[in-house]
Amino acid sequence: MNRISPALALLGAILGLVSCATRLLPPTATGPVILISIDGFRWDYLQRYSAPTLQRLAREGVHARTLTPSYPTKTFPNHYTLVTGLYPAHHGVVGNWFYDPASGETFGMSKSASNTDEKWWGGEPVWITAERQGVRSACYFWPGSEAAHHVVRPSRWLPFNDKTPSSDRVDGLLQWLNVPAAERPQLATLYFSAVDTAGHKYGPDSPDLQPSITEVDAGVARLLDGLGRLGLQESINLIIVSDHGMSPTSPDRVIFLDDLVAMSTIEVETTGPYAGVRPKPGTRTAAELATAIRAKAIPHLQVFLRDEMPARFHYAGNDRIPAVMLVADDQWSIEQRAGWPVRATTFPKGNHGWDNATPNMGALFLAHGPAFKSRTTLDQVDNIHVYNLLCAVLGLKPAPNDGDDSLVRATLHH
């Protein structure tokens, strides 16, 4: 499991007390809870693009103007925060790619070994909470669902395959639900990736984004039709979220690490909307490195030591976070000159990973079903509270986490 500092262990104990104090609600409906992620679906896509099924669900149920992701606004950290209620620094998945100095290994979102080895995945995801309390779960894709937790797994799960069409993902989940009630999962996850893929390719403002939104909206409609055939549509509770938003990018808005520091003196752990570096042994301390980079006074860039990151990021105290963090302004990127002429020609037109308070990084939240209030609009909610909401609808006692019951109180019937 993750190696954590004594301070984090104490924090976990405190959070445990907070979690135990969180009010538990009895199950509010007999139907399953389905948690759906639409990767990269920015909060305002619901108003800017045609998505009739999602727009209807938002009107009829609970819809938050924006769901604020956790920092960094990347796919794996935020998907795992949604299902654990822990900030990335506390559950340990601190990026899509990151180095762990304790083991000397690198986590990679596309590496099978990373996705299946529980040492990377701290906290307790909601499907494990469910299984440990006698509630069946099924994960049709979700970051973290391929790893066992002390031999406990969801009752049904599949290794991620991005080539699986959205419609096939829906049909696969419906097959899992098409069983006798006693065998049916009461918690299920479903993951769509088309909108994120298109956002990177075309940018968030392009009309070419519409086909991907139409695809996912049709997938949700297909799910509702299938639930109707199974006699579950009136009892099902849906929570539909995204992990982050999307900002337009350009190879003309790039800061090069090579202009800030001698590349031979650092280890580069990540680049993009933020960069993470560590000084090579025998060169200088992290503090000296940060001071030297700050002295360059580069526009659109802030430089922090890991444990001096702004408190609102909740991104400190874990050695998996790079020792020196370079944080670019929205729409600016940090890159290396090596190989740049080739990479510039394929530079994405959209990306994410910036400050989670940046409006472009805002995500989607809506909830619909008999457990939830009708025609209710919320302003802004933080994604750390979604785990406790899932537990409340399912009647589960949540594991220790960083969230509270504010989203429970705002969304559920009392």
Protein backbone atom coordinates (compact mmCIF):
# COMPACT_ATOMS: atom_id res chain seq x y z
CA MET A 1 0.00 0.00 0.00
CA ASN A 2 1.03 3.66 -0.18
CA ARG A 3 3.75 4.84 2.15
CA ILE A 4 2.44 7.88 3.98
CA SER A 5 3.99 10.22 6.47
CA PRO A 6 3.04 10.22 10.18
CA ALA A 7 1.32 13.56 9.57
CA LEU A 8 -0.89 12.02 6.90
CA ALA A 9 -1.61 9.06 9.14
CA LEU A 10 -2.76 11.45 11.88
CA LEU A 11 -4.87 13.29 9.31
CA GLY A 12 -6.46 9.99 8.33
CA ALA A 13 -7.39 9.32 11.95
CA ILE A 14 -8.94 12.76 12.25
CA LEU A 15 -10.84 12.32 9.02
CA GLY A 16 -12.07 9.00 10.34
CA LEU A 17 -13.70 10.78 13.26
CA VAL A 18 -15.22 13.32 10.88
CA SER A 19 -16.51 10.58 8.62
CA CYS A 20 -18.05 8.64 11.49
CA ALA A 21 -19.84 11.79 12.55
CA THR A 22 -21.32 12.24 9.07
CA ARG A 23 -25.03 11.61 9.13
CA LEU A 24 -26.00 8.33 7.48
CA LEU A 25 -29.24 8.01 5.58
CA PRO A 26 -31.16 4.79 4.96
CA PRO A 27 -31.37 3.53 1.38
CA THR A 28 -33.84 5.77 -0.42
CA ALA A 29 -34.84 3.46 -3.26
CA THR A 30 -34.75 -0.19 -4.19
CA GLY A 31 -33.15 0.38 -7.59
CA PRO A 32 -29.43 0.45 -8.34
CA VAL A 33 -27.23 3.54 -8.26
CA ILE A 34 -25.34 4.16 -11.48
CA LEU A 35 -22.38 6.55 -11.40
CA ILE A 36 -21.59 7.76 -14.92
CA SER A 37 -18.47 9.67 -15.92
CA ILE A 38 -18.30 11.68 -19.12
CA ASP A 39 -14.59 12.37 -19.23
CA GLY A 40 -13.71 15.96 -20.16
CA PHE A 41 -17.31 17.23 -20.24
CA ARG A 42 -16.87 20.87 -19.26
CA TRP A 43 -19.61 22.36 -17.08
CA ASP A 44 -20.89 24.71 -19.80
CA TYR A 45 -21.09 22.12 -22.59
CA LEU A 46 -24.60 21.44 -21.34
CA GLN A 47 -25.62 24.93 -22.44
CA ARG A 48 -23.36 25.31 -25.48
CA TYR A 49 -23.99 22.03 -27.28
CA SER A 50 -26.99 19.84 -28.07
CA ALA A 51 -27.41 17.06 -25.50
CA PRO A 52 -31.19 16.53 -25.17
CA THR A 53 -31.06 13.55 -22.81
CA LEU A 54 -28.55 15.08 -20.43
CA GLN A 55 -30.32 18.43 -20.59
CA ARG A 56 -33.63 16.80 -19.69
CA LEU A 57 -32.10 14.93 -16.76
CA ALA A 58 -30.52 18.17 -15.53
CA ARG A 59 -33.86 20.01 -15.72
CA GLU A 60 -35.80 17.26 -13.96
CA GLY A 61 -33.28 16.39 -11.25
CA VAL A 62 -30.45 18.10 -9.41
CA HIS A 63 -27.94 20.05 -11.48
CA ALA A 64 -24.91 21.94 -10.18
CA ARG A 65 -23.77 24.94 -12.18
CA THR A 66 -20.25 23.58 -11.87
CA LEU A 67 -18.47 20.71 -10.15
CA THR A 68 -15.03 21.85 -9.00
CA PRO A 69 -12.43 19.14 -9.56
CA SER A 70 -9.46 18.50 -7.33
CA TYR A 71 -5.97 19.63 -8.22
CA PRO A 72 -4.36 18.61 -10.51
CA THR A 73 -7.25 18.65 -12.96
CA LYS A 74 -6.24 15.38 -14.58
CA THR A 75 -8.24 12.24 -15.34
CA PHE A 76 -6.88 9.65 -12.94
CA PRO A 77 -6.54 11.83 -9.82
CA ASN A 78 -10.09 13.15 -10.19
CA HIS A 79 -11.81 9.91 -11.08
CA TYR A 80 -10.29 8.37 -7.99
CA THR A 81 -11.20 11.38 -5.84
CA LEU A 82 -14.83 11.07 -6.98
CA VAL A 83 -15.06 7.51 -5.67
CA THR A 84 -12.95 7.87 -2.50
CA GLY A 85 -13.72 11.39 -1.29
CA LEU A 86 -9.99 11.92 -0.82
CA TYR A 87 -7.79 14.60 -2.34
CA PRO A 88 -5.11 13.17 -4.66
CA ALA A 89 -2.37 13.88 -2.11
CA HIS A 90 -4.25 11.61 0.32
CA HIS A 91 -5.26 8.73 -1.96
CA GLY A 92 -1.86 8.73 -3.67
CA VAL A 93 -2.81 8.97 -7.35
CA VAL A 94 -1.25 12.41 -7.71
CA GLY A 95 -1.21 12.54 -11.51
CA ASN A 96 -1.81 10.57 -14.67
CA TRP A 97 1.93 9.86 -14.60
CA PHE A 98 4.14 10.29 -11.55
CA TYR A 99 7.29 8.97 -9.91
CA ASP A 100 7.27 7.29 -6.50
CA PRO A 101 10.65 7.79 -4.81
CA ALA A 102 9.84 5.20 -2.15
CA SER A 103 9.71 2.40 -4.71
CA GLY A 104 11.72 3.97 -7.51
CA GLU A 105 8.86 3.18 -9.90
CA THR A 106 6.74 5.33 -12.17
CA PHE A 107 2.94 5.14 -12.31
CA GLY A 108 1.42 5.47 -15.76
CA MET A 109 -2.27 5.67 -16.61
CA SER A 110 -1.81 3.44 -19.65
CA LYS A 111 0.38 0.86 -17.89
CA SER A 112 -1.41 -2.35 -16.96
CA ALA A 113 0.93 -2.87 -14.00
CA SER A 114 -0.09 0.50 -12.58
CA ASN A 115 -3.80 -0.11 -13.00
CA THR A 116 -3.76 -3.53 -11.36
CA ASP A 117 -1.30 -3.06 -8.48
CA GLU A 118 -3.04 -1.92 -5.30
CA LYS A 119 0.11 -0.29 -3.91
CA TRP A 120 -0.72 2.76 -6.02
CA TRP A 121 -4.35 3.08 -4.98
CA GLY A 122 -4.88 4.34 -1.43
CA GLY A 123 -8.13 5.07 0.34
CA GLU A 124 -11.27 3.01 -0.19
CA PRO A 125 -13.24 3.38 -3.44
CA VAL A 126 -16.99 3.19 -3.15
CA TRP A 127 -17.25 -0.25 -4.78
CA ILE A 128 -15.02 -1.65 -2.05
CA THR A 129 -17.07 0.15 0.61
CA ALA A 130 -20.15 -1.49 -0.91
CA GLU A 131 -18.71 -4.99 -1.17
CA ARG A 132 -17.42 -4.89 2.40
CA GLN A 133 -20.94 -4.02 3.57
CA GLY A 134 -22.68 -6.71 1.53
CA VAL A 135 -23.73 -4.59 -1.46
CA ARG A 136 -22.88 -5.90 -4.92
CA SER A 137 -21.00 -3.56 -7.26
CA ALA A 138 -20.06 -3.57 -10.93
CA CYS A 139 -17.54 -1.34 -12.72
CA TYR A 140 -17.82 -0.98 -16.47
CA PHE A 141 -14.53 0.90 -16.52
CA TRP A 142 -13.27 3.37 -13.91
CA PRO A 143 -9.72 4.28 -12.90
CA GLY A 144 -8.80 2.12 -9.92
CA SER A 145 -11.41 -0.58 -10.52
CA GLU A 146 -8.85 -3.07 -11.86
CA ALA A 147 -6.93 -3.20 -8.56
CA ALA A 148 -7.94 -5.41 -5.64
CA HIS A 149 -8.04 -3.94 -2.13
CA HIS A 150 -6.83 -6.60 0.27
CA VAL A 151 -8.30 -9.23 -2.15
CA VAL A 152 -11.69 -7.43 -2.27
CA ARG A 153 -12.94 -6.49 -5.74
CA PRO A 154 -16.18 -5.33 -7.32
CA SER A 155 -18.43 -8.28 -8.18
CA ARG A 156 -18.08 -7.43 -11.88
CA TRP A 157 -15.37 -5.41 -13.60
CA LEU A 158 -13.41 -5.20 -16.84
CA PRO A 159 -9.93 -3.96 -17.74
CA PHE A 160 -10.19 -0.68 -19.61
CA ASN A 161 -10.38 -0.80 -23.40
CA ASP A 162 -10.78 2.62 -25.00
CA LYS A 163 -11.69 1.00 -28.32
CA THR A 164 -14.97 -0.28 -26.87
CA PRO A 165 -17.72 1.87 -28.47
CA SER A 166 -19.93 3.89 -26.13
CA SER A 167 -22.98 1.85 -27.14
CA ASP A 168 -21.20 -1.41 -26.30
CA ARG A 169 -20.29 -0.08 -22.86
CA VAL A 170 -23.96 0.65 -22.22
CA ASP A 171 -25.06 -2.75 -23.49
CA GLY A 172 -22.45 -4.50 -21.38
CA LEU A 173 -23.66 -2.78 -18.22
CA LEU A 174 -27.28 -3.59 -19.06
CA GLN A 175 -26.33 -7.24 -19.38
CA TRP A 176 -24.87 -7.13 -15.89
CA LEU A 177 -28.13 -5.64 -14.60
CA ASN A 178 -30.31 -8.15 -16.45
CA VAL A 179 -30.20 -10.74 -13.68
CA PRO A 180 -32.52 -11.67 -10.81
CA ALA A 181 -32.83 -8.88 -8.24
CA ALA A 182 -30.92 -10.85 -5.62
CA GLU A 183 -27.91 -11.04 -7.94
CA ARG A 184 -28.14 -7.55 -9.40
CA PRO A 185 -25.42 -4.99 -8.60
CA GLN A 186 -26.80 -2.14 -6.51
CA LEU A 187 -23.89 0.09 -7.44
CA ALA A 188 -22.51 0.38 -10.96
CA THR A 189 -20.07 2.67 -12.72
CA LEU A 190 -19.99 3.54 -16.41
CA TYR A 191 -17.28 5.55 -18.16
CA PHE A 192 -17.42 7.43 -21.47
CA SER A 193 -14.22 8.81 -23.02
CA ALA A 194 -15.38 10.23 -26.38
CA VAL A 195 -15.85 13.86 -25.27
CA ASP A 196 -12.39 14.10 -23.70
CA THR A 197 -10.77 12.61 -26.79
CA ALA A 198 -12.55 15.11 -29.05
CA GLY A 199 -11.77 18.00 -26.69
CA HIS A 200 -8.06 17.31 -26.96
CA LYS A 201 -8.24 16.91 -30.73
CA TYR A 202 -10.46 19.86 -31.64
CA GLY A 203 -10.53 22.14 -28.58
CA PRO A 204 -13.51 23.03 -26.38
CA ASP A 205 -14.86 25.75 -28.68
CA SER A 206 -14.96 23.77 -31.91
CA PRO A 207 -18.21 22.65 -33.56
CA ASP A 208 -16.35 19.38 -34.21
CA LEU A 209 -16.90 18.60 -30.52
CA GLN A 210 -20.65 18.11 -31.09
CA PRO A 211 -20.50 14.57 -32.56
CA SER A 212 -18.78 13.24 -29.42
CA ILE A 213 -21.38 14.90 -27.19
CA THR A 214 -24.14 13.45 -29.37
CA GLU A 215 -22.53 10.01 -29.05
CA VAL A 216 -22.43 10.13 -25.27
CA ASP A 217 -25.90 11.66 -24.97
CA ALA A 218 -27.22 8.84 -27.16
CA GLY A 219 -25.41 6.40 -24.88
CA VAL A 220 -27.24 7.74 -21.83
CA ALA A 221 -30.53 7.56 -23.74
CA ARG A 222 -29.72 3.97 -24.69
CA LEU A 223 -29.08 3.19 -21.03
CA LEU A 224 -32.42 4.69 -19.98
CA ASP A 225 -34.25 2.72 -22.68
CA GLY A 226 -32.56 -0.47 -21.56
CA LEU A 227 -33.40 0.19 -17.92
CA GLY A 228 -37.00 0.69 -19.01
CA ARG A 229 -37.03 -2.73 -20.66
CA LEU A 230 -35.68 -4.21 -17.42
CA GLY A 231 -38.37 -2.44 -15.38
CA LEU A 232 -35.75 -0.38 -13.54
CA GLN A 233 -36.12 3.10 -15.00
CA GLU A 234 -38.47 4.38 -12.29
CA SER A 235 -36.29 3.12 -9.44
CA ILE A 236 -32.83 3.85 -10.78
CA ASN A 237 -30.71 6.64 -9.30
CA LEU A 238 -28.23 8.26 -11.68
CA ILE A 239 -25.29 10.43 -10.74
CA ILE A 240 -23.59 11.84 -13.83
CA VAL A 241 -20.27 13.63 -13.45
CA SER A 242 -17.14 14.57 -15.29
CA ASP A 243 -13.60 14.68 -13.99
CA HIS A 244 -12.53 18.09 -15.30
CA GLY A 245 -13.15 20.66 -18.00
CA MET A 246 -11.06 21.68 -21.00
CA SER A 247 -9.13 24.78 -22.11
CA PRO A 248 -8.00 25.78 -25.59
CA THR A 249 -4.27 25.40 -26.17
CA SER A 250 -1.73 26.53 -28.75
CA PRO A 251 1.94 25.78 -29.48
CA ASP A 252 2.35 29.56 -29.40
CA ARG A 253 1.61 29.63 -25.65
CA VAL A 254 4.49 27.51 -24.39
CA ILE A 255 7.16 28.00 -21.71
CA PHE A 256 10.27 25.89 -22.20
CA LEU A 257 11.96 24.27 -19.22
CA ASP A 258 15.29 24.59 -21.03
CA ASP A 259 15.03 28.38 -20.69
CA LEU A 260 14.64 28.09 -16.93
CA VAL A 261 17.21 25.53 -15.81
CA ALA A 262 20.03 23.36 -17.13
CA MET A 263 18.24 20.16 -18.12
CA SER A 264 21.22 18.06 -17.07
CA THR A 265 20.64 19.05 -13.43
CA ILE A 266 17.00 17.95 -13.08
CA GLU A 267 14.71 14.97 -13.40
CA VAL A 268 11.56 15.91 -15.29
CA GLU A 269 8.54 14.04 -13.98
CA THR A 270 5.72 15.70 -15.87
CA THR A 271 5.10 18.53 -18.33
CA GLY A 272 2.02 20.27 -19.69
CA PRO A 273 -0.26 22.70 -17.81
CA TYR A 274 2.05 22.07 -14.86
CA ALA A 275 5.52 20.63 -14.70
CA GLY A 276 7.11 18.67 -11.91
CA VAL A 277 10.87 18.43 -11.48
CA ARG A 278 13.37 17.15 -8.93
CA PRO A 279 17.02 18.19 -8.66
CA LYS A 280 19.45 15.43 -9.52
CA PRO A 281 21.53 14.22 -6.55
CA GLY A 282 24.65 16.30 -5.98
CA THR A 283 23.37 19.36 -7.83
CA ARG A 284 21.37 21.56 -5.43
CA THR A 285 18.47 21.38 -3.06
CA ALA A 286 14.85 21.65 -4.15
CA ALA A 287 14.63 25.04 -2.43
CA GLU A 288 17.69 26.30 -4.34
CA LEU A 289 16.23 24.99 -7.60
CA ALA A 290 12.91 26.72 -6.99
CA THR A 291 14.66 29.99 -6.11
CA ALA A 292 16.75 29.86 -9.28
CA ILE A 293 13.70 29.30 -11.48
CA ARG A 294 11.73 32.07 -9.77
CA ALA A 295 14.62 34.46 -10.43
CA LYS A 296 13.91 34.15 -14.14
CA ALA A 297 10.60 35.98 -13.54
CA ILE A 298 8.90 34.24 -16.45
CA PRO A 299 5.38 35.54 -17.21
CA HIS A 300 2.44 33.14 -16.90
CA LEU A 301 4.36 30.89 -14.48
CA GLN A 302 4.42 30.31 -10.73
CA VAL A 303 6.98 28.13 -8.96
CA PHE A 304 6.37 26.31 -5.68
CA LEU A 305 8.08 23.82 -3.46
CA ARG A 306 5.83 20.81 -2.95
CA ASP A 307 4.91 21.67 0.60
CA GLU A 308 4.49 25.37 -0.18
CA MET A 309 1.74 24.84 -2.74
CA PRO A 310 -1.29 27.06 -2.01
CA ALA A 311 -3.37 25.45 0.74
CA ARG A 312 -6.52 25.53 -1.40
CA PHE A 313 -4.89 22.99 -3.76
CA HIS A 314 -4.61 20.39 -0.97
CA TYR A 315 -1.59 19.18 -2.91
CA ALA A 316 1.24 18.66 -0.45
CA GLY A 317 2.57 16.17 2.07
CA ASN A 318 3.05 13.25 -0.32
CA ASP A 319 6.47 12.38 -1.73
CA ARG A 320 4.87 11.31 -5.00
CA ILE A 321 4.26 15.00 -5.73
CA PRO A 322 7.35 16.43 -7.45
CA ALA A 323 9.67 18.41 -5.19
CA VAL A 324 9.34 21.53 -7.36
CA MET A 325 6.05 22.39 -9.06
CA LEU A 326 5.86 24.81 -11.98
CA VAL A 327 2.26 25.95 -12.44
CA ALA A 328 1.32 27.68 -15.69
CA ASP A 329 -1.55 30.09 -16.21
CA ASP A 330 -4.67 28.78 -17.91
CA GLN A 331 -4.03 27.95 -21.58
CA TRP A 332 -0.25 28.06 -21.17
CA SER A 333 1.89 24.91 -21.24
CA ILE A 334 5.36 23.92 -20.04
CA GLU A 335 7.42 21.80 -22.43
CA GLN A 336 10.95 20.66 -23.25
CA ARG A 337 12.78 21.76 -26.40
CA ALA A 338 13.97 18.25 -27.20
CA GLY A 339 11.72 16.92 -29.95
CA TRP A 340 9.59 20.07 -29.92
CA PRO A 341 9.52 20.72 -33.70
CA VAL A 342 7.79 17.37 -34.17
CA ARG A 343 5.52 17.65 -31.13
CA ALA A 344 4.46 21.17 -32.11
CA THR A 345 2.82 19.83 -35.26
CA THR A 346 0.61 17.48 -33.22
CA PHE A 347 0.09 19.74 -30.21
CA PRO A 348 -3.43 19.23 -28.80
CA LYS A 349 -6.00 21.97 -29.35
CA GLY A 350 -7.45 21.36 -25.89
CA ASN A 351 -6.05 20.25 -22.55
CA HIS A 352 -6.64 20.24 -18.80
CA GLY A 353 -4.53 20.17 -15.66
CA TRP A 354 -4.60 23.83 -14.67
CA ASP A 355 -5.71 25.47 -11.42
CA ASN A 356 -8.96 23.80 -10.37
CA ALA A 357 -10.53 27.21 -9.67
CA THR A 358 -10.13 28.16 -13.33
CA PRO A 359 -13.63 28.28 -14.89
CA ASN A 360 -12.46 26.26 -17.90
CA MET A 361 -11.60 23.37 -15.57
CA GLY A 362 -15.13 23.19 -14.11
CA ALA A 363 -16.86 19.83 -14.49
CA LEU A 364 -20.37 18.38 -14.74
CA PHE A 365 -22.65 17.22 -11.93
CA LEU A 366 -26.25 16.09 -12.17
CA ALA A 367 -28.34 13.58 -10.23
CA HIS A 368 -31.68 12.09 -11.20
CA GLY A 369 -33.94 9.47 -9.65
CA PRO A 370 -36.31 8.81 -6.78
CA ALA A 371 -33.65 9.48 -4.14
CA PHE A 372 -33.01 13.01 -5.40
CA LYS A 373 -34.84 16.28 -5.27
CA SER A 374 -36.59 17.45 -8.43
CA ARG A 375 -35.88 20.60 -10.45
CA THR A 376 -33.12 21.73 -8.10
CA THR A 377 -30.18 23.86 -9.18
CA LEU A 378 -27.03 24.15 -7.10
CA ASP A 379 -24.28 26.69 -7.60
CA GLN A 380 -20.88 25.11 -7.12
CA VAL A 381 -19.96 21.82 -5.45
CA ASP A 382 -16.59 20.16 -4.81
CA ASN A 383 -15.98 16.68 -6.15
CA ILE A 384 -14.66 15.38 -2.82
CA HIS A 385 -18.28 15.20 -1.61
CA VAL A 386 -19.56 12.79 -4.27
CA TYR A 387 -18.31 9.69 -2.40
CA ASN A 388 -20.37 10.51 0.68
CA LEU A 389 -23.41 11.10 -1.52
CA LEU A 390 -23.02 7.67 -3.10
CA CYS A 391 -22.73 6.10 0.33
CA ALA A 392 -25.82 7.92 1.58
CA VAL A 393 -27.99 6.78 -1.33
CA LEU A 394 -26.78 3.21 -0.85
CA GLY A 395 -27.14 3.28 2.92
CA LEU A 396 -23.42 2.61 3.44
CA LYS A 397 -21.14 3.82 6.18
CA PRO A 398 -18.44 5.83 4.38
CA ALA A 399 -14.75 5.16 4.89
CA PRO A 400 -12.64 8.05 6.23
CA ASN A 401 -12.46 10.80 3.63
CA ASP A 402 -11.99 14.52 3.06
CA GLY A 403 -15.61 15.29 2.18
CA ASP A 404 -18.68 16.10 4.27
CA ASP A 405 -22.44 15.65 3.93
CA SER A 406 -23.16 19.02 2.30
CA LEU A 407 -23.96 17.40 -1.04
CA VAL A 408 -26.11 14.80 0.72
CA ARG A 409 -28.18 17.53 2.34
CA ALA A 410 -28.41 19.56 -0.87
CA THR A 411 -29.55 16.75 -3.16
CA LEU A 412 -31.47 14.06 -1.29
CA HIS A 413 -35.05 14.02 -0.04
CA HIS A 414 -35.18 14.17 3.75
